[in-house]
Every structure is written in C-alpha cells, then in structure tokens.
C-alpha cells in the first residue's frame, strides 16, 4: 500500500481487502484481518490485533500504552475480535504484565468516546455505550450492555445478559441476567427483554427469577441465600452460573433497591 497520506509501518501485517482511509497511522507489531475498514485519523499502535471484518471509525486509538504507573514497557497486546465495530474516538489500552492483553470479543459494538483500560476482558456480543469508562482489569461477559455514561471500577465483573442503566457508577460485581440501575447501583429485576431476544423460554426466565428472589427478597445474607438456592432451586445451567458468579465475586455483588 503506497499512499503518502497514510503512515503504515513496513512490518505491520495487513490482511486482504482492508480499506485504510487517509491520515491513518499504523505502527509496527500490528495485525489487521481481512475485510476490515480503518477510518481517517485512527491510530493503530503497537500490539494491536484486529480481526476480520472490523470497523475502526475516525479518531479511535487502539493499543495505547496503559495508563498504569506499574507498566514497565512490557510487550503486550490489545485484541479485537471479528465483526466488531469501534466508533469515533474510542480509546483501548493494551495490557500490562497482569494479563498481558486487553480483549474485545467478536460482534461487539463500542460506541463513541468509550474507554477500555488495560487488561480488560470484553466477551462476545457486548455493547459499550458512548462515554462509558472501564478501568483496569474489568471483565464484561457475553451479551451485556453497559449503557452510555457508565463508569466501571477496576476489577469489577459484569455478568452475561446484564444491562446497566446509563450514567451509573459500578463498584461491585453485577450478577448475570439482570437489570441494574440507580445510585448506588442496585438490582432492579431481570433483563427479561434481553433474555427473550436471546431465545430464553419463559420457563427458564421464571427459574432465574426464583434464584434472584432467594438472593434479594428473602432477607438472607449471601452465604445463606446460596445455600438455600442449592438446596431448593432445581438444577439448571443458569442457576449454577449465578451461584458460581456470586461465589467468585471478589468485590461483592450489588444490593437490591430495598437495601
């Protein structure tokens, strides 16, 4: 590719049918998959790994150096899965020695001005809203929606199929399948609309609801609620996903609106 309006490092690996618009900068140690589109003024820095059929809109910066004082120049990556769209002025920092990589999964949408810090793991089919900010080592599971203006504290985990109301501050883990909102961030019911769109039956949704009644409506502490669930709620994949998520929640989980 010989275009004087593009800075393309000779060691960068560019796939087939990639479109690179004017005023793009692509550094060394970069890989861009087939069919991707890189918009004007995007900056693709060292350690970028961009999948097939991705769209990187103008002004985005991929694999910027982590904003972490412990970063010592180690070789790390920022990896973006196939069919993911990164909108205008998004910043995605590469990893540190903590995990070695920042990951955005397949089929994700990262809306304008969002920030994804070092070592975050964003799984497939996630939406990050405009002006949302994820601090270091945040994890967001499949099909979650982090609405615009949401701020997520470092090390927080957001479960699959969660939707978080816009403008919230997330300082505790958010269990799967729920809607979360208000200040402080609280359990606000199931994400029933999202679950139905993903093909969950009413029977499964009702079973999930029973699990969360034990957690948030029976007046039990977390340990007693988990014991009650394991003894009284019939086995399902979803039940165990909730239980295991809560058992592994190092920051604790969000409370209910009534607490």
C-alpha atoms as a PDB file:
ATOM      1  CA  UNK A   1       0.000   0.000   0.000  1.00  0.00           C
ATOM      2  CA  UNK A   2       1.673   3.188  -1.190  1.00  0.00           C
ATOM      3  CA  UNK A   3      -0.291   6.226  -0.084  1.00  0.00           C
ATOM      4  CA  UNK A   4       1.587   9.303   1.163  1.00  0.00           C
ATOM      5  CA  UNK A   5      -1.407  10.270   3.317  1.00  0.00           C
ATOM      6  CA  UNK A   6      -1.112   7.060   5.377  1.00  0.00           C
ATOM      7  CA  UNK A   7       1.637   6.104   7.822  1.00  0.00           C
ATOM      8  CA  UNK A   8       1.976   2.324   7.530  1.00  0.00           C
ATOM      9  CA  UNK A   9       4.935   0.672   9.221  1.00  0.00           C
ATOM     10  CA  UNK A  10       6.559  -1.843   6.858  1.00  0.00           C
ATOM     11  CA  UNK A  11       6.353  -4.600   9.487  1.00  0.00           C
ATOM     12  CA  UNK A  12       2.593  -4.251  10.019  1.00  0.00           C
ATOM     13  CA  UNK A  13       0.587  -7.235   8.758  1.00  0.00           C
ATOM     14  CA  UNK A  14      -2.434  -6.192   6.736  1.00  0.00           C
ATOM     15  CA  UNK A  15      -4.969  -8.752   5.501  1.00  0.00           C
ATOM     16  CA  UNK A  16      -6.827  -8.948   2.225  1.00  0.00           C
ATOM     17  CA  UNK A  17      -9.337  -6.308   1.141  1.00  0.00           C
ATOM     18  CA  UNK A  18      -8.541  -3.974   4.031  1.00  0.00           C
ATOM     19  CA  UNK A  19      -9.529  -0.345   3.449  1.00  0.00           C
ATOM     20  CA  UNK A  20      -7.314   2.247   5.132  1.00  0.00           C
ATOM     21  CA  UNK A  21      -8.550   5.824   4.784  1.00  0.00           C
ATOM     22  CA  UNK A  22      -6.276   8.895   4.599  1.00  0.00           C
ATOM     23  CA  UNK A  23      -4.436  10.156   7.695  1.00  0.00           C
ATOM     24  CA  UNK A  24      -4.391   6.779   9.448  1.00  0.00           C
ATOM     25  CA  UNK A  25      -1.270   5.786  11.432  1.00  0.00           C
ATOM     26  CA  UNK A  26      -0.436   2.085  11.728  1.00  0.00           C
ATOM     27  CA  UNK A  27       2.616   1.158  13.787  1.00  0.00           C
ATOM     28  CA  UNK A  28       4.792  -1.955  13.760  1.00  0.00           C
ATOM     29  CA  UNK A  29       3.691  -5.163  15.506  1.00  0.00           C
ATOM     30  CA  UNK A  30       0.158  -4.662  14.223  1.00  0.00           C
ATOM     31  CA  UNK A  31      -2.088  -7.248  12.607  1.00  0.00           C
ATOM     32  CA  UNK A  32      -5.318  -6.359  10.804  1.00  0.00           C
ATOM     33  CA  UNK A  33      -7.584  -9.089   9.473  1.00  0.00           C
ATOM     34  CA  UNK A  34      -9.259  -9.462   6.111  1.00  0.00           C
ATOM     35  CA  UNK A  35     -12.041  -7.119   5.085  1.00  0.00           C
ATOM     36  CA  UNK A  36     -11.572  -4.586   7.879  1.00  0.00           C
ATOM     37  CA  UNK A  37     -12.031  -0.842   7.464  1.00  0.00           C
ATOM     38  CA  UNK A  38      -9.894   1.774   9.224  1.00  0.00           C
ATOM     39  CA  UNK A  39     -11.349   5.282   9.214  1.00  0.00           C
ATOM     40  CA  UNK A  40      -9.467   8.552   8.840  1.00  0.00           C
ATOM     41  CA  UNK A  41      -7.270   9.686  11.737  1.00  0.00           C
ATOM     42  CA  UNK A  42      -7.479   6.360  13.553  1.00  0.00           C
ATOM     43  CA  UNK A  43      -4.238   5.383  15.302  1.00  0.00           C
ATOM     44  CA  UNK A  44      -3.414   1.682  15.413  1.00  0.00           C
ATOM     45  CA  UNK A  45      -0.486   1.354  17.805  1.00  0.00           C
ATOM     46  CA  UNK A  46       1.990  -1.415  18.591  1.00  0.00           C
ATOM     47  CA  UNK A  47       0.377  -4.571  19.892  1.00  0.00           C
ATOM     48  CA  UNK A  48      -2.916  -4.156  18.017  1.00  0.00           C
ATOM     49  CA  UNK A  49      -4.557  -7.358  16.849  1.00  0.00           C
ATOM     50  CA  UNK A  50      -7.657  -6.543  14.823  1.00  0.00           C
ATOM     51  CA  UNK A  51      -9.812  -9.361  13.469  1.00  0.00           C
ATOM     52  CA  UNK A  52     -11.660  -9.851  10.211  1.00  0.00           C
ATOM     53  CA  UNK A  53     -14.402  -7.503   9.033  1.00  0.00           C
ATOM     54  CA  UNK A  54     -13.877  -4.979  11.825  1.00  0.00           C
ATOM     55  CA  UNK A  55     -14.696  -1.288  11.517  1.00  0.00           C
ATOM     56  CA  UNK A  56     -12.496   1.243  13.293  1.00  0.00           C
ATOM     57  CA  UNK A  57     -14.035   4.706  12.996  1.00  0.00           C
ATOM     58  CA  UNK A  58     -12.195   8.055  12.756  1.00  0.00           C
ATOM     59  CA  UNK A  59     -10.167   9.177  15.739  1.00  0.00           C
ATOM     60  CA  UNK A  60     -10.089   5.848  17.573  1.00  0.00           C
ATOM     61  CA  UNK A  61      -6.824   4.852  19.254  1.00  0.00           C
ATOM     62  CA  UNK A  62      -6.153   1.130  19.592  1.00  0.00           C
ATOM     63  CA  UNK A  63      -3.435  -0.339  21.877  1.00  0.00           C
ATOM     64  CA  UNK A  64      -2.330   2.882  23.512  1.00  0.00           C
ATOM     65  CA  UNK A  65       0.179   2.442  26.335  1.00  0.00           C
ATOM     66  CA  UNK A  66      -1.619   1.556  29.607  1.00  0.00           C
ATOM     67  CA  UNK A  67      -2.402   4.422  31.954  1.00  0.00           C
ATOM     68  CA  UNK A  68      -0.936   2.429  34.818  1.00  0.00           C
ATOM     69  CA  UNK A  69       2.162   3.540  36.724  1.00  0.00           C
ATOM     70  CA  UNK A  70       3.212  -0.089  37.125  1.00  0.00           C
ATOM     71  CA  UNK A  71       3.553  -0.503  33.371  1.00  0.00           C
ATOM     72  CA  UNK A  72       7.231  -1.008  32.566  1.00  0.00           C
ATOM     73  CA  UNK A  73       7.190  -1.200  28.784  1.00  0.00           C
ATOM     74  CA  UNK A  74       6.467  -4.918  28.545  1.00  0.00           C
ATOM     75  CA  UNK A  75       5.262  -6.283  25.197  1.00  0.00           C
ATOM     76  CA  UNK A  76       1.503  -6.686  25.401  1.00  0.00           C
ATOM     77  CA  UNK A  77      -1.490  -6.580  23.071  1.00  0.00           C
ATOM     78  CA  UNK A  78      -4.956  -5.190  22.526  1.00  0.00           C
ATOM     79  CA  UNK A  79      -7.035  -7.761  20.653  1.00  0.00           C
ATOM     80  CA  UNK A  80     -10.298  -7.091  18.823  1.00  0.00           C
ATOM     81  CA  UNK A  81     -12.439  -9.966  17.585  1.00  0.00           C
ATOM     82  CA  UNK A  82     -14.073 -10.429  14.191  1.00  0.00           C
ATOM     83  CA  UNK A  83     -17.017  -8.256  13.133  1.00  0.00           C
ATOM     84  CA  UNK A  84     -16.553  -5.759  15.951  1.00  0.00           C
ATOM     85  CA  UNK A  85     -17.192  -2.056  15.452  1.00  0.00           C
ATOM     86  CA  UNK A  86     -15.174   0.603  17.277  1.00  0.00           C
ATOM     87  CA  UNK A  87     -16.781   4.017  16.880  1.00  0.00           C
ATOM     88  CA  UNK A  88     -15.318   7.531  16.871  1.00  0.00           C
ATOM     89  CA  UNK A  89     -12.655   8.500  19.437  1.00  0.00           C
ATOM     90  CA  UNK A  90     -12.753   5.253  21.389  1.00  0.00           C
ATOM     91  CA  UNK A  91      -9.543   4.515  23.313  1.00  0.00           C
ATOM     92  CA  UNK A  92      -8.494   0.937  24.016  1.00  0.00           C
ATOM     93  CA  UNK A  93      -5.281   0.462  26.008  1.00  0.00           C
ATOM     94  CA  UNK A  94      -3.145  -2.634  25.660  1.00  0.00           C
ATOM     95  CA  UNK A  95      -2.420  -4.977  28.549  1.00  0.00           C
ATOM     96  CA  UNK A  96       0.183  -4.995  31.292  1.00  0.00           C
ATOM     97  CA  UNK A  97       2.030  -7.885  32.878  1.00  0.00           C
ATOM     98  CA  UNK A  98      -1.118  -8.536  34.920  1.00  0.00           C
ATOM     99  CA  UNK A  99      -2.824 -10.330  31.995  1.00  0.00           C
ATOM    100  CA  UNK A 100      -0.682  -9.420  29.009  1.00  0.00           C
ATOM    101  CA  UNK A 101      -3.602  -8.390  26.841  1.00  0.00           C
ATOM    102  CA  UNK A 102      -6.777  -6.377  26.598  1.00  0.00           C
ATOM    103  CA  UNK A 103      -9.513  -8.264  24.771  1.00  0.00           C
ATOM    104  CA  UNK A 104     -12.610  -7.082  22.924  1.00  0.00           C
ATOM    105  CA  UNK A 105     -14.589 -10.076  21.664  1.00  0.00           C
ATOM    106  CA  UNK A 106     -16.422 -10.813  18.433  1.00  0.00           C
ATOM    107  CA  UNK A 107     -19.532  -8.954  17.250  1.00  0.00           C
ATOM    108  CA  UNK A 108     -19.124  -6.165  19.801  1.00  0.00           C
ATOM    109  CA  UNK A 109     -20.103  -2.525  19.465  1.00  0.00           C
ATOM    110  CA  UNK A 110     -18.005   0.048  21.310  1.00  0.00           C
ATOM    111  CA  UNK A 111     -19.719   3.388  20.885  1.00  0.00           C
ATOM    112  CA  UNK A 112     -18.099   6.799  20.545  1.00  0.00           C
ATOM    113  CA  UNK A 113     -15.752   8.160  23.228  1.00  0.00           C
ATOM    114  CA  UNK A 114     -15.805   4.963  25.324  1.00  0.00           C
ATOM    115  CA  UNK A 115     -12.597   3.999  27.136  1.00  0.00           C
ATOM    116  CA  UNK A 116     -11.370   0.458  27.781  1.00  0.00           C
ATOM    117  CA  UNK A 117      -8.362   0.347  30.108  1.00  0.00           C
ATOM    118  CA  UNK A 118      -5.544  -2.173  30.362  1.00  0.00           C
ATOM    119  CA  UNK A 119      -6.226  -5.896  30.776  1.00  0.00           C
ATOM    120  CA  UNK A 120      -9.994  -5.655  30.395  1.00  0.00           C
ATOM    121  CA  UNK A 121     -11.746  -8.707  29.016  1.00  0.00           C
ATOM    122  CA  UNK A 122     -14.863  -7.923  26.994  1.00  0.00           C
ATOM    123  CA  UNK A 123     -16.507 -11.061  25.667  1.00  0.00           C
ATOM    124  CA  UNK A 124     -18.577 -11.558  22.505  1.00  0.00           C
ATOM    125  CA  UNK A 125     -21.703  -9.552  21.564  1.00  0.00           C
ATOM    126  CA  UNK A 126     -21.175  -6.832  24.177  1.00  0.00           C
ATOM    127  CA  UNK A 127     -22.283  -3.220  23.740  1.00  0.00           C
ATOM    128  CA  UNK A 128     -20.333  -0.455  25.484  1.00  0.00           C
ATOM    129  CA  UNK A 129     -22.244   2.822  25.295  1.00  0.00           C
ATOM    130  CA  UNK A 130     -20.876   6.231  24.410  1.00  0.00           C
ATOM    131  CA  UNK A 131     -18.778   7.897  27.113  1.00  0.00           C
ATOM    132  CA  UNK A 132     -18.649   4.733  29.225  1.00  0.00           C
ATOM    133  CA  UNK A 133     -15.365   4.108  31.002  1.00  0.00           C
ATOM    134  CA  UNK A 134     -13.904   0.771  32.078  1.00  0.00           C
ATOM    135  CA  UNK A 135     -10.976   0.848  34.494  1.00  0.00           C
ATOM    136  CA  UNK A 136      -8.229  -1.748  34.510  1.00  0.00           C
ATOM    137  CA  UNK A 137      -8.948  -5.488  34.594  1.00  0.00           C
ATOM    138  CA  UNK A 138     -12.719  -5.151  34.275  1.00  0.00           C
ATOM    139  CA  UNK A 139     -14.496  -8.192  32.827  1.00  0.00           C
ATOM    140  CA  UNK A 140     -17.767  -7.994  30.884  1.00  0.00           C
ATOM    141  CA  UNK A 141     -19.461 -11.229  29.878  1.00  0.00           C
ATOM    142  CA  UNK A 142     -21.408 -12.094  26.715  1.00  0.00           C
ATOM    143  CA  UNK A 143     -24.386 -10.014  25.560  1.00  0.00           C
ATOM    144  CA  UNK A 144     -24.023  -7.483  28.370  1.00  0.00           C
ATOM    145  CA  UNK A 145     -24.938  -3.857  27.699  1.00  0.00           C
ATOM    146  CA  UNK A 146     -23.064  -1.118  29.543  1.00  0.00           C
ATOM    147  CA  UNK A 147     -25.171   1.933  28.768  1.00  0.00           C
ATOM    148  CA  UNK A 148     -23.793   5.387  27.925  1.00  0.00           C
ATOM    149  CA  UNK A 149     -22.005   7.351  30.624  1.00  0.00           C
ATOM    150  CA  UNK A 150     -21.455   4.356  32.903  1.00  0.00           C
ATOM    151  CA  UNK A 151     -18.231   4.228  34.943  1.00  0.00           C
ATOM    152  CA  UNK A 152     -16.899   0.821  35.974  1.00  0.00           C
ATOM    153  CA  UNK A 153     -14.390   0.441  38.827  1.00  0.00           C
ATOM    154  CA  UNK A 154     -11.228  -1.621  38.358  1.00  0.00           C
ATOM    155  CA  UNK A 155     -11.533  -5.398  38.829  1.00  0.00           C
ATOM    156  CA  UNK A 156     -15.348  -5.339  38.587  1.00  0.00           C
ATOM    157  CA  UNK A 157     -17.076  -8.208  36.770  1.00  0.00           C
ATOM    158  CA  UNK A 158     -20.307  -7.782  34.833  1.00  0.00           C
ATOM    159  CA  UNK A 159     -22.229 -10.980  34.129  1.00  0.00           C
ATOM    160  CA  UNK A 160     -23.714 -12.164  30.843  1.00  0.00           C
ATOM    161  CA  UNK A 161     -27.001 -10.692  29.597  1.00  0.00           C
ATOM    162  CA  UNK A 162     -26.771  -7.803  32.086  1.00  0.00           C
ATOM    163  CA  UNK A 163     -28.000  -4.343  31.186  1.00  0.00           C
ATOM    164  CA  UNK A 164     -26.714  -1.410  33.232  1.00  0.00           C
ATOM    165  CA  UNK A 165     -28.631   1.866  33.202  1.00  0.00           C
ATOM    166  CA  UNK A 166     -26.865   4.863  31.709  1.00  0.00           C
ATOM    167  CA  UNK A 167     -24.833   7.178  33.918  1.00  0.00           C
ATOM    168  CA  UNK A 168     -24.278   4.636  36.698  1.00  0.00           C
ATOM    169  CA  UNK A 169     -21.185   4.038  38.830  1.00  0.00           C
ATOM    170  CA  UNK A 170     -20.331   0.341  39.105  1.00  0.00           C
ATOM    171  CA  UNK A 171     -18.152  -0.503  42.096  1.00  0.00           C
ATOM    172  CA  UNK A 172     -19.373  -4.054  42.819  1.00  0.00           C
ATOM    173  CA  UNK A 173     -19.868  -7.109  40.640  1.00  0.00           C
ATOM    174  CA  UNK A 174     -23.127  -7.364  38.694  1.00  0.00           C
ATOM    175  CA  UNK A 175     -24.519 -10.930  38.513  1.00  0.00           C
ATOM    176  CA  UNK A 176     -25.770 -12.380  35.213  1.00  0.00           C
ATOM    177  CA  UNK A 177     -29.200 -11.949  33.606  1.00  0.00           C
ATOM    178  CA  UNK A 178     -30.251  -8.814  35.494  1.00  0.00           C
ATOM    179  CA  UNK A 179     -31.023  -5.138  35.058  1.00  0.00           C
ATOM    180  CA  UNK A 180     -29.059  -2.776  37.299  1.00  0.00           C
ATOM    181  CA  UNK A 181     -29.627   0.907  37.922  1.00  0.00           C
ATOM    182  CA  UNK A 182     -29.967   3.851  40.301  1.00  0.00           C
ATOM    183  CA  UNK A 183     -27.444   5.277  42.763  1.00  0.00           C
ATOM    184  CA  UNK A 184     -25.907   3.365  44.423  1.00  0.00           C
ATOM    185  CA  UNK A 185     -26.147   0.736  41.699  1.00  0.00           C
ATOM    186  CA  UNK A 186     -28.780  -1.847  42.644  1.00  0.00           C
ATOM    187  CA  UNK A 187     -30.585  -4.936  41.405  1.00  0.00           C
ATOM    188  CA  UNK A 188     -33.680  -3.780  39.505  1.00  0.00           C
ATOM    189  CA  UNK A 189     -35.087  -7.082  38.222  1.00  0.00           C
ATOM    190  CA  UNK A 190     -34.280  -9.438  35.395  1.00  0.00           C
ATOM    191  CA  UNK A 191     -33.268  -8.342  31.920  1.00  0.00           C
ATOM    192  CA  UNK A 192     -36.351 -10.160  30.643  1.00  0.00           C
ATOM    193  CA  UNK A 193     -36.492  -8.373  27.301  1.00  0.00           C
ATOM    194  CA  UNK A 194     -32.867  -9.184  26.551  1.00  0.00           C
ATOM    195  CA  UNK A 195     -33.277 -12.810  27.621  1.00  0.00           C
ATOM    196  CA  UNK A 196     -36.298 -13.315  25.354  1.00  0.00           C
ATOM    197  CA  UNK A 197     -34.402 -11.762  22.448  1.00  0.00           C
ATOM    198  CA  UNK A 198     -31.636 -14.287  23.065  1.00  0.00           C
ATOM    199  CA  UNK A 199     -34.097 -17.197  22.967  1.00  0.00           C
ATOM    200  CA  UNK A 200     -34.606 -17.920  26.658  1.00  0.00           C
ATOM    201  CA  UNK A 201     -38.004 -19.520  27.319  1.00  0.00           C
ATOM    202  CA  UNK A 202     -40.478 -18.201  29.886  1.00  0.00           C
ATOM    203  CA  UNK A 203     -39.827 -21.337  31.943  1.00  0.00           C
ATOM    204  CA  UNK A 204     -36.100 -20.623  32.189  1.00  0.00           C
ATOM    205  CA  UNK A 205     -36.718 -16.934  32.899  1.00  0.00           C
ATOM    206  CA  UNK A 206     -39.053 -17.908  35.758  1.00  0.00           C
ATOM    207  CA  UNK A 207     -36.395 -20.246  37.167  1.00  0.00           C
ATOM    208  CA  UNK A 208     -33.845 -17.426  37.073  1.00  0.00           C
ATOM    209  CA  UNK A 209     -36.373 -15.200  38.819  1.00  0.00           C
ATOM    210  CA  UNK A 210     -36.749 -17.721  41.643  1.00  0.00           C
ATOM    211  CA  UNK A 211     -32.998 -17.765  42.162  1.00  0.00           C
ATOM    212  CA  UNK A 212     -32.886 -13.979  42.470  1.00  0.00           C
ATOM    213  CA  UNK A 213     -35.859 -13.953  44.842  1.00  0.00           C
ATOM    214  CA  UNK A 214     -33.737 -16.035  47.202  1.00  0.00           C
ATOM    215  CA  UNK A 215     -30.811 -13.633  46.849  1.00  0.00           C
ATOM    216  CA  UNK A 216     -32.630 -10.318  47.061  1.00  0.00           C
ATOM    217  CA  UNK A 217     -36.088 -10.831  48.591  1.00  0.00           C
ATOM    218  CA  UNK A 218     -35.853 -13.428  51.376  1.00  0.00           C
ATOM    219  CA  UNK A 219     -33.807 -11.335  53.760  1.00  0.00           C
ATOM    220  CA  UNK A 220     -30.917 -13.808  53.732  1.00  0.00           C
ATOM    221  CA  UNK A 221     -27.242 -12.951  53.743  1.00  0.00           C
ATOM    222  CA  UNK A 222     -25.325 -14.026  50.656  1.00  0.00           C
ATOM    223  CA  UNK A 223     -23.979 -17.289  52.083  1.00  0.00           C
ATOM    224  CA  UNK A 224     -27.382 -18.390  53.369  1.00  0.00           C
ATOM    225  CA  UNK A 225     -29.040 -17.385  50.096  1.00  0.00           C
ATOM    226  CA  UNK A 226     -26.607 -19.514  48.078  1.00  0.00           C
ATOM    227  CA  UNK A 227     -27.195 -22.469  50.420  1.00  0.00           C
ATOM    228  CA  UNK A 228     -30.953 -22.036  50.044  1.00  0.00           C
ATOM    229  CA  UNK A 229     -30.654 -21.940  46.245  1.00  0.00           C
ATOM    230  CA  UNK A 230     -28.553 -25.087  46.063  1.00  0.00           C
ATOM    231  CA  UNK A 231     -30.971 -26.943  48.345  1.00  0.00           C
ATOM    232  CA  UNK A 232     -34.298 -25.671  46.991  1.00  0.00           C
ATOM    233  CA  UNK A 233     -33.936 -24.442  43.398  1.00  0.00           C
ATOM    234  CA  UNK A 234     -33.808 -27.185  40.744  1.00  0.00           C
ATOM    235  CA  UNK A 235     -30.532 -27.590  38.888  1.00  0.00           C
ATOM    236  CA  UNK A 236     -30.078 -25.612  35.700  1.00  0.00           C
ATOM    237  CA  UNK A 237     -27.127 -24.175  33.832  1.00  0.00           C
ATOM    238  CA  UNK A 238     -28.400 -20.705  34.636  1.00  0.00           C
ATOM    239  CA  UNK A 239     -28.767 -21.451  38.349  1.00  0.00           C
ATOM    240  CA  UNK A 240     -25.167 -22.602  38.584  1.00  0.00           C
ATOM    241  CA  UNK A 241     -23.923 -19.670  36.510  1.00  0.00           C
ATOM    242  CA  UNK A 242     -25.472 -17.302  39.053  1.00  0.00           C
ATOM    243  CA  UNK A 243     -24.219 -19.255  42.060  1.00  0.00           C
ATOM    244  CA  UNK A 244     -20.688 -19.612  40.728  1.00  0.00           C
ATOM    245  CA  UNK A 245     -20.549 -15.958  39.718  1.00  0.00           C
ATOM    246  CA  UNK A 246     -21.506 -14.842  43.217  1.00  0.00           C
ATOM    247  CA  UNK A 247     -19.090 -17.263  44.885  1.00  0.00           C
ATOM    248  CA  UNK A 248     -16.289 -15.797  42.781  1.00  0.00           C
ATOM    249  CA  UNK A 249     -17.252 -12.146  43.290  1.00  0.00           C
ATOM    250  CA  UNK A 250     -14.170 -10.701  44.969  1.00  0.00           C
ATOM    251  CA  UNK A 251     -15.708  -7.223  45.180  1.00  0.00           C
ATOM    252  CA  UNK A 252     -19.088  -8.494  46.401  1.00  0.00           C
ATOM    253  CA  UNK A 253     -22.297  -8.096  44.426  1.00  0.00           C
ATOM    254  CA  UNK A 254     -24.665  -5.163  44.079  1.00  0.00           C
ATOM    255  CA  UNK A 255     -27.548  -4.929  46.551  1.00  0.00           C
ATOM    256  CA  UNK A 256     -31.289  -4.728  45.956  1.00  0.00           C
ATOM    257  CA  UNK A 257     -33.202  -1.454  45.717  1.00  0.00           C
ATOM    258  CA  UNK A 258     -34.712  -2.038  49.165  1.00  0.00           C
ATOM    259  CA  UNK A 259     -31.387  -2.414  50.976  1.00  0.00           C
END
